[in-house]
Protein backbone atom coordinates (compact mmCIF):
# COMPACT_ATOMS: atom_id res chain seq x y z
CA MET A 1 -21.96 -20.17 -47.14
CA PHE A 2 -25.65 -20.19 -46.24
CA ILE A 3 -27.04 -17.78 -48.85
CA ALA A 4 -27.43 -18.31 -52.59
CA VAL A 5 -29.44 -16.46 -55.26
CA ASN A 6 -31.05 -17.37 -58.56
CA GLU A 7 -30.89 -15.43 -61.81
CA SER A 8 -33.73 -13.17 -60.53
CA GLN A 9 -31.62 -12.36 -57.39
CA GLN A 10 -34.09 -14.21 -55.18
CA ARG A 11 -32.33 -15.17 -51.92
CA PHE A 12 -32.31 -18.70 -50.53
CA CYS A 13 -31.12 -19.64 -47.02
CA SER A 14 -29.76 -23.19 -46.97
CA PHE A 15 -31.13 -24.17 -43.56
CA GLU A 16 -34.50 -22.41 -43.85
CA GLU A 17 -35.61 -23.59 -47.29
CA ASP A 18 -37.17 -26.93 -48.13
CA GLU A 19 -34.45 -29.50 -48.78
CA VAL A 20 -36.26 -31.05 -51.77
CA LEU A 21 -36.58 -27.61 -53.42
CA MET A 22 -32.93 -26.80 -52.79
CA ARG A 23 -31.73 -30.11 -54.24
CA SER A 24 -33.89 -29.56 -57.28
CA LEU A 25 -32.54 -26.02 -57.88
CA SER A 26 -28.99 -27.22 -57.29
CA LYS A 27 -29.43 -30.07 -59.79
CA SER A 28 -30.77 -27.63 -62.39
CA CYS A 29 -27.79 -25.30 -61.82
CA SER A 30 -30.11 -22.46 -60.76
CA LEU A 31 -28.24 -21.49 -57.59
CA LEU A 32 -25.60 -18.79 -57.86
CA CYS A 33 -23.02 -17.17 -55.55
CA PRO A 34 -24.23 -13.68 -54.48
CA ASP A 35 -20.71 -12.29 -54.98
CA CYS A 36 -19.22 -13.87 -58.13
CA HIS A 37 -22.50 -15.17 -59.65
CA SER A 38 -20.87 -18.52 -60.44
CA MET A 39 -22.79 -21.71 -59.87
CA VAL A 40 -23.01 -23.21 -56.34
CA ILE A 41 -24.34 -26.55 -55.18
CA TYR A 42 -26.51 -27.40 -52.19
CA ARG A 43 -25.03 -29.67 -49.52
CA ALA A 44 -26.95 -31.16 -46.63
CA GLY A 45 -25.04 -34.19 -45.41
CA SER A 46 -23.72 -34.63 -41.89
CA LYS A 47 -22.92 -30.91 -41.64
CA LYS A 48 -25.25 -27.94 -41.44
CA PRO A 49 -26.99 -27.40 -44.85
CA HIS A 50 -24.96 -24.92 -46.88
CA PHE A 51 -23.93 -23.90 -50.38
CA ALA A 52 -20.51 -24.51 -51.90
CA HIS A 53 -18.76 -23.45 -55.11
CA HIS A 54 -17.87 -25.93 -57.79
CA ARG A 55 -14.52 -24.18 -57.79
CA VAL A 56 -12.89 -21.21 -56.08
CA CYS A 57 -14.95 -18.01 -56.19
CA ILE A 58 -13.55 -15.97 -59.13
CA ASN A 59 -14.92 -12.58 -58.05
CA PRO A 60 -14.94 -12.56 -54.26
CA ASN A 61 -16.11 -9.78 -52.01
CA PRO A 62 -12.97 -7.78 -51.11
CA TYR A 63 -13.50 -8.56 -47.41
CA SER A 64 -14.60 -12.19 -47.74
CA GLU A 65 -12.46 -15.01 -46.35
CA PRO A 66 -12.30 -18.80 -46.81
CA GLU A 67 -15.08 -20.28 -44.73
CA SER A 68 -14.35 -23.02 -42.20
CA ASP A 69 -16.77 -25.34 -40.45
CA THR A 70 -16.25 -23.35 -37.24
CA HIS A 71 -17.20 -20.12 -39.00
CA ARG A 72 -20.29 -21.66 -40.58
CA ILE A 73 -21.54 -23.17 -37.32
CA GLY A 74 -20.73 -20.00 -35.38
CA LYS A 75 -22.72 -17.87 -37.85
CA PHE A 76 -25.65 -20.25 -37.54
CA LEU A 77 -25.53 -20.08 -33.72
CA LEU A 78 -25.46 -16.28 -33.75
CA TYR A 79 -28.25 -16.15 -36.35
CA THR A 80 -30.46 -18.40 -34.23
CA TRP A 81 -29.67 -16.36 -31.10
CA LEU A 82 -30.54 -13.05 -32.79
CA LYS A 83 -33.76 -14.45 -34.28
CA GLY A 84 -34.73 -15.44 -30.74
CA ILE A 85 -34.08 -12.10 -29.02
CA TYR A 86 -35.36 -9.88 -31.87
CA PRO A 87 -38.49 -11.64 -33.20
CA LYS A 88 -39.94 -8.39 -34.59
CA SER A 89 -36.76 -7.43 -36.46
CA GLU A 90 -35.55 -8.69 -39.80
CA VAL A 91 -32.51 -10.96 -39.30
CA GLN A 92 -30.64 -11.84 -42.49
CA MET A 93 -27.66 -14.10 -43.03
CA GLU A 94 -24.78 -12.88 -45.23
CA TYR A 95 -26.42 -9.55 -45.88
CA TYR A 96 -24.95 -7.44 -48.70
CA LEU A 97 -24.46 -3.79 -47.84
CA SER A 98 -24.48 -1.94 -51.14
CA GLU A 99 -23.17 1.36 -49.71
CA THR A 100 -19.86 -0.18 -48.69
CA LYS A 101 -19.86 -3.37 -50.82
CA GLN A 102 -19.54 -5.44 -47.62
CA ARG A 103 -21.31 -8.67 -46.81
CA SER A 104 -21.87 -9.03 -43.08
CA ASP A 105 -22.23 -12.44 -41.50
CA ILE A 106 -25.58 -11.42 -40.04
CA MET A 107 -27.56 -8.19 -40.32
CA VAL A 108 -30.38 -7.19 -37.99
CA ILE A 109 -32.74 -4.56 -39.40
CA HIS A 110 -35.00 -3.15 -36.70
CA PRO A 111 -38.49 -1.76 -37.26
CA ASP A 112 -37.16 1.78 -36.71
CA GLY A 113 -34.66 1.29 -39.55
CA ALA A 114 -31.57 0.85 -37.37
CA ARG A 115 -29.11 -1.68 -38.80
CA TRP A 116 -26.78 -3.86 -36.75
CA ALA A 117 -24.08 -5.94 -38.39
CA PHE A 118 -22.70 -8.99 -36.59
CA GLU A 119 -19.35 -10.44 -37.61
CA PHE A 120 -18.00 -13.75 -36.33
CA GLN A 121 -14.27 -13.36 -36.94
CA CYS A 122 -12.31 -16.59 -37.06
CA SER A 123 -9.24 -15.60 -39.05
CA LYS A 124 -6.51 -13.38 -37.63
CA ILE A 125 -6.87 -10.37 -39.89
CA THR A 126 -4.73 -7.32 -39.19
CA GLY A 127 -5.88 -4.57 -36.91
CA ALA A 128 -5.63 -2.11 -39.80
CA LEU A 129 -7.98 -4.23 -41.97
CA TRP A 130 -10.47 -4.53 -39.10
CA LEU A 131 -10.37 -0.76 -38.59
CA GLU A 132 -11.05 -0.22 -42.31
CA ARG A 133 -14.11 -2.50 -42.16
CA HIS A 134 -15.31 -0.86 -38.96
CA MET A 135 -15.01 2.62 -40.48
CA LEU A 136 -16.99 1.48 -43.56
CA TYR A 137 -19.83 0.26 -41.33
CA GLU A 138 -19.69 3.53 -39.45
CA SER A 139 -19.86 5.54 -42.68
CA ALA A 140 -23.06 3.65 -43.62
CA ASN A 141 -24.54 4.35 -40.18
CA VAL A 142 -24.42 0.65 -39.29
CA GLN A 143 -23.64 -0.47 -35.74
CA ASP A 144 -21.15 -3.32 -35.97
CA PHE A 145 -20.64 -6.06 -33.36
CA TRP A 146 -17.56 -8.27 -33.53
CA ILE A 147 -17.42 -11.70 -31.90
CA LEU A 148 -14.09 -13.50 -32.13
CA ASN A 149 -13.40 -17.20 -32.27
CA HIS A 150 -12.33 -18.19 -28.73
CA GLN A 151 -9.17 -19.85 -30.10
CA ILE A 152 -7.77 -16.45 -31.13
CA VAL A 153 -7.01 -15.33 -27.57
CA ARG A 154 -3.57 -16.51 -26.46
CA SER A 155 -4.20 -16.80 -22.71
CA VAL A 156 -7.10 -17.36 -20.34
CA ASP A 157 -5.28 -15.65 -17.46
CA ASP A 158 -6.88 -12.22 -16.96
CA ASN A 159 -3.59 -10.84 -15.69
CA ASN A 160 -1.47 -12.20 -18.54
CA ILE A 161 -3.32 -11.62 -21.81
CA ARG A 162 -1.35 -11.25 -25.03
CA PHE A 163 -3.32 -9.56 -27.77
CA ILE A 164 -2.87 -9.86 -31.50
CA GLY A 165 -3.31 -6.68 -33.58
CA LEU A 166 -6.98 -7.47 -34.31
CA GLU A 167 -7.89 -7.72 -30.61
CA ASP A 168 -5.89 -4.64 -29.76
CA SER A 169 -7.72 -2.56 -32.38
CA ILE A 170 -11.17 -3.77 -31.30
CA TYR A 171 -10.42 -3.20 -27.63
CA LYS A 172 -9.16 0.35 -28.19
CA LYS A 173 -12.48 1.19 -29.86
CA GLN A 174 -14.99 -0.49 -27.57
CA SER A 175 -13.14 -1.33 -24.29
CA TYR A 176 -14.27 -4.95 -24.32
CA LEU A 177 -13.78 -8.14 -26.34
CA ALA A 178 -16.28 -10.94 -26.99
CA TYR A 179 -15.33 -14.53 -27.81
CA LEU A 180 -17.53 -17.44 -28.93
CA ASP A 181 -16.67 -21.01 -28.04
CA VAL A 182 -18.54 -22.78 -30.85
CA PRO A 183 -18.35 -26.43 -29.63
CA ASN A 184 -19.64 -25.49 -26.16
CA GLU A 185 -21.92 -22.65 -27.30
CA ARG A 186 -20.50 -20.34 -24.64
CA VAL A 187 -19.40 -16.72 -24.78
CA ARG A 188 -16.64 -14.99 -22.92
CA ILE A 189 -16.35 -11.22 -22.46
CA LEU A 190 -13.12 -9.52 -21.45
CA ALA A 191 -14.02 -6.17 -19.92
CA GLY A 192 -11.49 -3.43 -19.48
CA ILE A 193 -11.13 -2.03 -15.96
CA GLY A 194 -8.30 0.30 -16.89
CA THR A 195 -6.09 0.78 -19.92
CA TYR A 196 -5.04 -2.89 -20.08
CA ARG A 197 -6.54 -4.46 -16.97
CA PHE A 198 -9.20 -7.07 -17.55
CA LYS A 199 -11.88 -9.11 -15.91
CA SER A 200 -13.35 -12.16 -17.61
CA PHE A 201 -17.08 -13.00 -17.70
CA GLN A 202 -18.60 -16.17 -19.17
CA SER A 203 -22.08 -17.51 -19.88
CA THR A 204 -24.01 -19.59 -22.38
CA LEU A 205 -24.84 -17.95 -25.70
CA ASP A 206 -28.60 -17.86 -25.04
CA GLU A 207 -27.95 -15.79 -21.87
CA MET A 208 -26.18 -13.03 -23.83
CA TYR A 209 -28.10 -9.93 -24.90
CA ILE A 210 -27.51 -6.41 -26.25
CA HIS A 211 -27.46 -3.54 -23.77
CA ASP A 212 -26.54 0.04 -24.56
CA HIS A 213 -25.09 -1.03 -27.93
CA ARG A 214 -22.80 -3.57 -26.26
CA LEU A 215 -22.79 -7.34 -25.99
CA TRP A 216 -23.88 -8.06 -22.45
CA ILE A 217 -24.28 -10.90 -19.95
CA LYS A 218 -25.72 -10.84 -16.43
CA GLU A 219 -22.38 -11.40 -14.72
CA TYR A 220 -21.02 -8.45 -16.67
CA SER A 221 -23.98 -6.35 -15.54
CA ASP A 222 -23.37 -7.36 -11.91
CA PHE A 223 -19.76 -6.32 -12.32
CA PHE A 224 -20.70 -2.85 -13.55
CA GLU A 225 -23.14 -2.47 -10.68
CA TRP A 226 -20.30 -3.40 -8.34
CA ILE A 227 -18.04 -0.86 -10.11
CA ASP A 228 -20.70 1.81 -9.63
CA ARG A 229 -21.00 0.94 -5.95
CA GLU A 230 -17.22 1.05 -5.62
CA LYS A 231 -17.13 4.46 -7.30
CA GLU A 232 -19.83 5.73 -4.97
CA GLU A 233 -17.97 4.30 -1.98
CA HIS A 234 -14.72 5.83 -3.23
CA GLN A 235 -16.44 9.20 -3.61
CA ARG A 236 -17.92 8.94 -0.11
CA ASN A 237 -14.49 8.04 1.27
CA LYS A 238 -12.94 10.92 -0.63
CA ILE A 239 -15.49 13.35 0.82
CA GLU A 240 -14.99 11.87 4.29
CA LYS A 241 -11.20 12.14 3.99
CA ALA A 242 -11.52 15.75 2.89
CA ARG A 243 -13.84 16.42 5.83
CA GLN A 244 -11.48 14.67 8.24
CA LYS A 245 -8.53 16.55 6.78
CA ALA A 246 -10.34 19.86 7.33
CA ILE A 247 -11.14 18.81 10.92
CA ASN A 248 -7.52 17.78 11.53
CA GLU A 249 -6.23 21.03 10.08
CA GLU A 250 -8.63 22.91 12.32
CA ILE A 251 -7.49 20.90 15.35
CA THR A 252 -3.83 21.47 14.45
CA ALA A 253 -4.43 25.19 14.00
CA ARG A 254 -6.28 25.33 17.30
CA ARG A 255 -3.45 23.45 19.01
CA GLU A 256 -0.87 25.84 17.61
CA GLN A 257 -3.01 28.74 18.73
CA ILE A 258 -3.25 27.28 22.24
CA GLU A 259 0.52 26.72 22.37
CA ASN A 260 1.16 30.28 21.18
CA GLU A 261 -1.31 31.65 23.71
CA LYS A 262 0.47 29.71 26.43
CA LYS A 263 3.80 31.24 25.48
CA GLN A 264 2.32 34.72 25.19
CA ARG A 265 0.39 34.66 28.45
CA ASP A 266 1.48 36.85 31.28
CA MET A 267 4.45 35.23 33.02
CA LYS A 268 3.42 36.52 36.43
CA ILE A 269 -0.02 34.94 36.14
CA TYR A 270 1.52 31.71 34.84
CA TYR A 271 4.02 31.77 37.71
CA ARG A 272 1.17 31.95 40.23
CA ASP A 273 -0.71 29.14 38.47
CA ILE A 274 2.34 26.85 38.59
CA LEU A 275 2.92 27.70 42.22
CA SER A 276 -0.68 26.77 43.06
CA GLU A 277 -0.21 23.40 41.36
CA ARG A 278 3.06 22.72 43.15
CA ILE A 279 1.69 23.52 46.58
CA ALA A 280 -1.10 20.94 46.08
CA LEU A 281 0.51 18.31 43.85
CA THR A 282 -2.05 15.59 44.65
CA LYS A 283 -5.11 17.83 44.41
CA ASN A 284 -6.71 16.41 41.23
CA MET A 285 -5.48 12.82 41.59
CA THR A 286 -7.64 9.77 42.19
CA GLU A 287 -6.83 7.54 45.13
CA LYS A 288 -5.07 5.05 42.86
CA GLU A 289 -2.99 7.79 41.24
CA LYS A 290 -2.19 9.32 44.63
CA THR A 291 -0.96 5.94 45.92
CA ILE A 292 1.62 5.62 43.12
CA PHE A 293 2.62 9.28 43.32
CA LEU A 294 3.25 9.25 47.08
CA ARG A 295 5.19 5.99 46.85
CA LEU A 296 7.51 7.39 44.18
CA THR A 297 8.04 10.77 45.85
CA LYS A 298 9.07 8.90 48.98
CA LYS A 299 11.42 6.70 46.94
CA TYR A 300 13.23 9.76 45.53
CA ASN A 301 12.95 11.93 48.71
CA ILE A 302 10.90 14.52 46.84
CA ILE A 303 8.76 17.16 48.55
CA PRO A 304 6.64 19.91 46.93
CA GLU A 305 9.43 22.52 47.26
CA ASN A 306 12.05 20.48 45.39
CA PHE A 307 9.71 18.58 43.05
CA PRO A 308 11.71 18.56 39.75
CA ALA A 309 10.42 20.82 37.01
CA MET A 310 11.40 18.07 34.55
CA LEU A 311 8.60 15.98 36.05
CA HIS A 312 6.02 18.78 35.83
CA VAL A 313 6.51 20.05 32.29
CA GLU A 314 3.98 20.80 29.55
CA VAL A 315 4.40 18.68 26.38
CA GLN A 316 2.41 18.52 23.18
CA TYR A 317 -0.81 16.50 23.53
CA SER A 318 -0.55 16.57 27.34
CA ASP A 319 -4.24 17.57 27.39
CA LEU A 320 -5.06 14.02 26.17
CA ILE A 321 -4.15 12.68 29.62
CA LYS A 322 -6.50 13.65 32.46
CA THR A 323 -4.17 12.36 35.16
CA PRO A 324 -2.05 15.29 36.49
CA LYS A 325 1.21 15.47 34.56
CA GLN A 326 3.38 15.36 37.70
CA MET A 327 2.05 11.87 38.47
CA TRP A 328 2.50 10.18 35.05
CA GLN A 329 5.80 11.96 34.28
CA LEU A 330 7.25 10.82 37.60
CA TRP A 331 6.07 7.28 36.80
CA VAL A 332 7.72 7.35 33.32
CA PHE A 333 10.97 8.69 34.77
CA ASP A 334 10.99 5.99 37.43
CA ASP A 335 10.13 3.22 34.95
CA ILE A 336 13.21 4.08 32.88
CA ILE A 337 15.73 5.14 35.52
CA SER A 338 14.92 2.25 37.87
CA GLN A 339 16.57 -0.04 35.31
CA TRP A 340 19.94 1.61 35.95
CA ASP A 341 20.83 -0.58 38.93
CA TYR A 342 20.01 -3.71 36.94
CA PHE A 343 22.43 -2.72 34.18
CA ILE A 344 25.17 -1.97 36.72
CA ARG A 345 24.69 -5.33 38.45
CA LYS A 346 24.79 -7.18 35.13
CA ASN A 347 27.74 -5.11 33.89
CA LYS A 348 25.71 -4.06 30.83
CA ASP A 349 25.38 -0.88 28.83
CA PRO A 350 22.23 0.95 30.12
CA LYS A 351 20.26 0.79 26.87
CA VAL A 352 16.47 0.63 27.04
CA TRP A 353 13.84 -0.29 24.48
CA LEU A 354 10.97 2.15 25.02
CA ASP A 355 8.29 -0.15 23.67
CA ASN A 356 8.51 -1.93 27.01
CA THR A 357 7.84 1.34 28.83
CA LYS A 358 4.99 2.09 26.45
CA ASN A 359 3.38 -1.31 27.12
CA ARG A 360 3.64 -0.78 30.89
CA PHE A 361 2.21 2.72 30.43
CA MET A 362 -0.79 1.24 28.61
CA LYS A 363 -1.15 -1.37 31.36
CA LEU A 364 -1.24 1.47 33.86
CA LYS A 365 -4.28 2.86 32.03
CA GLU A 366 -5.97 -0.55 31.85
CA ASN A 367 -5.61 -1.00 35.61
CA GLY A 368 -7.18 2.39 36.39
CA PHE A 369 -4.00 4.22 37.45
CA LEU A 370 -4.04 6.53 34.41
CA ARG A 371 -6.96 8.50 33.02
CA ILE A 372 -7.04 9.68 29.43
CA LYS A 373 -9.21 12.05 27.44
CA PHE A 374 -10.74 10.55 24.30
CA ASN A 375 -11.41 12.84 21.35
CA SER A 376 -12.90 11.17 18.27
CA ASN A 377 -11.79 14.09 16.10
CA GLU A 378 -8.19 13.98 17.33
CA ARG A 379 -5.64 12.17 15.16
CA ALA A 380 -3.27 11.60 18.09
CA ASN A 381 -3.76 9.53 21.22
CA TYR A 382 -2.19 9.58 24.66
CA ILE A 383 0.83 7.53 23.50
CA PHE A 384 1.87 10.59 21.47
CA THR A 385 2.09 12.42 24.78
CA LEU A 386 4.43 9.75 26.15
CA TYR A 387 6.84 10.01 23.22
CA ASN A 388 6.79 13.81 23.32
CA TYR A 389 7.85 13.57 26.95
CA ILE A 390 10.64 11.15 26.01
CA GLU A 391 11.91 13.83 23.62
CA ARG A 392 12.07 16.23 26.57
CA LEU A 393 14.15 13.71 28.49
CA ASN A 394 16.46 13.58 25.45
CA GLU A 395 16.72 17.37 25.31
CA CYS A 396 17.70 17.73 28.94
CA GLY A 397 20.25 14.86 28.77
CA VAL A 398 18.54 12.15 30.83
CA LEU A 399 18.37 9.90 27.75
CA GLU A 400 20.32 9.60 24.48
CA ASN A 401 18.59 8.44 21.33
CA LEU A 402 20.56 5.58 19.74
CA GLY A 403 18.27 4.60 16.89
CA SER A 404 18.94 5.80 13.37
CA THR A 405 15.33 5.21 12.31
CA THR A 406 13.42 5.24 15.60
CA VAL A 407 13.31 7.08 18.95
CA LYS A 408 12.46 3.87 20.79
CA TYR A 409 16.05 2.80 21.35
CA GLN A 410 17.67 4.91 24.11
CA ARG A 411 20.63 4.94 26.45
CA ILE A 412 20.35 6.23 30.02
CA ARG A 413 22.78 9.15 30.32
CA ALA A 414 21.89 10.32 33.83
CA ASN A 415 20.79 8.08 36.69
CA HIS A 416 19.05 10.91 38.57
CA LEU A 417 17.89 14.50 38.25
CA PRO A 418 19.63 17.39 40.06
CA LEU A 419 17.18 18.78 42.62
CA LEU A 420 16.48 22.48 43.02
CA ASN A 421 15.43 23.34 46.56
CA SER A 422 12.77 25.99 46.06
CA HIS A 423 9.48 26.49 44.28
CA ARG A 424 10.86 29.58 42.54
CA GLU A 425 13.83 27.79 40.96
CA ASN A 426 11.68 24.90 39.77
CA ILE A 427 9.01 27.22 38.36
CA LEU A 428 11.61 29.20 36.41
CA LEU A 429 13.17 25.96 35.16
CA LYS A 430 9.74 24.73 34.04
CA MET A 431 9.32 27.96 32.06
CA TYR A 432 12.79 27.46 30.55
CA LEU A 433 11.96 23.91 29.46
CA GLU A 434 8.69 25.13 27.91
CA GLY A 435 10.46 27.80 25.84
CA TYR A 436 9.74 31.00 27.76
CA GLN A 437 12.21 33.84 27.25
CA HIS A 438 13.38 35.85 30.25
CA GLU A 439 16.75 36.65 31.79
CA SER A 440 16.07 34.89 35.09
CA VAL A 441 14.54 31.92 33.22
CA ALA A 442 17.62 31.61 30.98
CA THR A 443 19.97 31.80 33.99
CA ILE A 444 18.28 29.01 35.90
CA GLY A 445 18.07 26.93 32.71
CA GLN A 446 21.83 27.26 32.10
CA GLN A 447 22.57 26.29 35.69
CA PHE A 448 20.35 23.23 35.38
CA MET A 449 22.03 22.06 32.16
CA GLU A 450 25.47 22.43 33.77
CA SER A 451 24.22 20.33 36.69
CA MET A 452 22.95 17.72 34.21
CA TRP A 453 26.37 17.52 32.56
CA THR A 454 27.88 16.88 35.96
CA VAL A 455 25.36 14.10 36.60
CA GLN A 456 26.19 12.61 33.19
CA ASP A 457 29.92 12.64 33.97
CA ARG A 458 29.32 10.88 37.26
CA SER A 459 27.11 8.30 35.56
CA ASN A 460 29.81 7.68 32.95
CA LYS A 461 32.39 7.17 35.68
CA VAL A 462 30.18 4.58 37.30
CA LEU A 463 29.87 2.78 33.95
CA SER A 464 33.59 3.06 33.26
CA SER A 465 34.43 1.60 36.65
CA HIS A 466 32.40 -1.46 35.65
CA ASP A 467 34.15 -1.56 32.22
CA ILE A 468 30.71 -1.22 30.62
CA LEU A 469 31.38 1.63 28.21
CA LYS A 470 34.70 0.35 26.92
CA PRO A 471 34.15 0.39 23.13
CA SER A 472 36.04 -2.80 22.41
CA ASN A 473 33.85 -4.68 24.93
CA ILE A 474 30.70 -3.35 23.33
CA LEU A 475 31.87 -4.42 19.89
CA THR A 476 32.66 -7.87 21.24
CA VAL A 477 29.06 -8.13 22.42
CA ALA A 478 27.84 -6.83 19.03
CA ARG A 479 29.86 -9.47 17.19
CA SER A 480 28.46 -12.11 19.49
CA GLU A 481 24.93 -10.92 18.72
CA VAL A 482 25.62 -11.17 14.98
CA SER A 483 26.92 -14.71 15.35
CA THR A 484 24.02 -15.79 17.60
CA THR A 485 21.40 -14.18 15.38
CA SER A 486 22.76 -15.78 12.23
CA LYS A 487 22.79 -19.23 13.83
CA HIS A 488 19.18 -18.85 14.91
CA GLY A 489 18.18 -17.72 11.42
CA VAL A 490 19.15 -20.84 9.46
CA ARG A 491 16.54 -21.99 6.96
CA ASP A 492 16.02 -25.50 5.63
CA ASP A 493 17.99 -24.65 2.50
CA GLY A 494 20.96 -23.57 4.61
CA THR A 495 20.63 -19.84 3.85
CA ARG A 496 21.23 -17.65 6.88
CA LEU A 497 18.55 -14.99 7.26
CA ILE A 498 17.40 -12.43 9.80
CA THR A 499 14.06 -10.62 9.66
CA ASP A 500 14.39 -8.50 12.83
CA LYS A 501 15.45 -5.13 11.45
CA VAL A 502 15.75 -3.68 14.96
CA VAL A 503 18.54 -6.09 15.91
CA ILE A 504 20.68 -5.39 12.88
CA LEU A 505 20.23 -1.62 13.06
CA LYS A 506 21.07 -1.75 16.76
CA ILE A 507 24.36 -3.50 16.05
CA ILE A 508 25.28 -1.04 13.31
CA ASP A 509 24.45 1.88 15.60
CA GLU A 510 26.95 0.44 18.09
CA VAL A 511 29.72 0.73 15.49
CA ARG A 512 28.76 4.32 14.79
CA VAL A 513 28.36 5.40 18.41
CA MET A 514 31.44 3.60 19.71
CA SER A 515 33.69 4.92 16.95
CA LYS A 516 32.69 8.45 17.96
CA VAL A 517 32.88 7.83 21.72
CA SER A 518 36.40 6.47 21.26
CA GLU A 519 37.44 9.70 19.51
CA LEU A 520 38.90 7.83 16.58
CA PRO A 521 40.45 9.87 13.76
CA LEU A 522 37.83 11.32 11.39
CA ASN A 523 39.01 9.30 8.39
CA ILE A 524 38.46 6.02 10.29
CA ILE A 525 35.05 7.17 11.55
CA PHE A 526 33.99 8.07 7.98
CA MET A 527 35.26 4.74 6.69
CA LEU A 528 33.28 2.76 9.28
CA GLU A 529 30.22 4.96 8.72
CA ASN A 530 30.25 4.30 4.96
CA LYS A 531 30.53 0.55 5.49
CA CYS A 532 27.61 0.65 7.92
CA ARG A 533 25.54 2.53 5.36
CA SER A 534 26.41 -0.10 2.77
CA ILE A 535 25.10 -2.84 5.08
CA ILE A 536 21.89 -0.95 5.80
CA ARG A 537 21.32 -0.26 2.10
CA SER A 538 21.83 -3.93 1.24
CA TYR A 539 19.57 -4.99 4.09
CA LEU A 540 16.74 -2.63 3.16
CA LEU A 541 16.85 -3.72 -0.48
CA CYS A 542 16.82 -7.45 0.29
CA GLU A 543 14.47 -7.23 3.32
CA HIS A 544 16.68 -9.80 5.00
CA MET A 545 20.31 -10.46 5.87
CA THR A 546 21.95 -13.14 3.78
CA GLU A 547 25.03 -15.11 4.74
CA SER A 548 27.26 -12.78 2.70
CA ASN A 549 25.72 -9.80 4.54
CA PHE A 550 26.61 -11.39 7.87
CA ILE A 551 30.16 -12.11 6.76
CA TYR A 552 30.60 -8.50 5.67
CA LEU A 553 29.06 -7.17 8.89
CA SER A 554 31.38 -9.37 10.96
CA GLU A 555 34.35 -8.02 9.01
CA VAL A 556 33.27 -4.42 9.66
CA LEU A 557 32.84 -5.14 13.38
CA SER A 558 36.25 -6.82 13.51
CA GLU A 559 37.84 -3.87 11.73
CA ALA A 560 36.14 -1.39 14.07
CA GLN A 561 37.29 -3.40 17.09
CA LYS A 562 40.87 -3.48 15.77
CA TYR A 563 41.01 0.31 15.36
CA ILE A 564 39.33 0.97 18.70
CA LEU A 565 41.57 -1.48 20.63
CA SER A 566 44.59 0.14 19.02
CA TRP A 567 43.34 3.57 20.03
CA GLU A 568 42.47 2.47 23.57
CA ASN A 569 46.00 1.15 24.07
CA LYS A 570 47.38 4.63 23.33
CA ILE A 571 45.22 6.21 26.07
CA PRO A 572 46.68 5.91 29.60
CA ASP A 573 44.32 4.51 32.28
């Protein structure tokens, strides 16, 4: 300890008093322990000058602990630091607080009467004992600061800190922890960002100071400034998101209002408007747009009178494209349907991946053949318009959606559109496709759908004649794809993996679609469906296909092929 008293209770600090005087008092047995009043001796060898008992203290302070060299040196370092930053305050070592019968390591008494107790805690006392001592200081209106020996903390990893009960109790009260590395004279502060999330700050002891009744270092201050900036930025973002949400809701409401107004407008006026557009199909096109449009109308032998309503239909977000809808819808239809002949030549199932069409559609814009309308307040862009039109092609039977999780994977169901020979029929069909209700509109719509079914049947016959849609053949291709994919997915450790989710889902969709096309018994379809779901579930959980997944998938495909081949053999050619 550093403080001793004489019989008159005069205090002596071992490292502040004259060494000759202290040795003289010690030799005359005039130095006493402030707690037990037994005799102490003065020591000033190789260690910091201090007082020591002749024997164990017989009447210790209830909160005192055996003092180690680390504790003694740490107290001295903190004492020197506090004397330096509070020159006008009274800084006392081992100050006795009569109200609570505690002896703090260091007490700072400010000119205004405020008292601050500093404790350098080296031993691992319980959290309950620390809380008791803290509450005693609080009851005496003393602000207590606790600095822990740096060896107490179990980990230096901010994301993997294991507290003892003492640290846990201190942190719950003050949301930070301070540690002193005595040999290096450095401090470390663990600041709480959340309940138990931490950030570590370090500096030399002389750079630490007291701010807002907390131990503080500059790096810590910078961190709080950053936190404040982040909070301000978060608040600004929150306000901006709320503003954008209100704008989007307003846009959505306005869109719905426009769509409702379209459906409620006078059908006779709308009929005349459509007729005007059909008579002059190229009226609002640029020269580039007109070039493509005229080339495609010639390719499909289309004239204004028989121009298909399916290529002149309103879809959601169509106002985001300035180019007349008859031009870009004809281009999209041609881009997809023109692949039909390729599939027939190659004896392949006419399945298309719409991302390719989307990329060519974007290229069309880049090359000046497609004009769009940009709206900074609009959430959607012109690609939304494209996919909404694809949905229309699905509804009328031109395409069939094959994807279980995406609309981008489609099969061509009809290789052409049935043509209606008059403006009137096409106008009424356009109204039918846009949801207008009228007897004549419903009649022409029903006739069109019957014509589409006929076109689909003819297309299927073409495919059947090329043996393309035979389920067993498709499953053979699917099994081949599984085998090829697994071979290309071998890692160095020999594990077979696949990261292309589209490929695996495509194969599984083939099992589902083909089992239904083949009109297998319901129990077999359900069995195959459940196995496919099991594969998907395993795949989504693992984020990759392992070798065991591939083996199981191959078994399911083999089983599906066995059932379908058996069923095909029962059906006469």
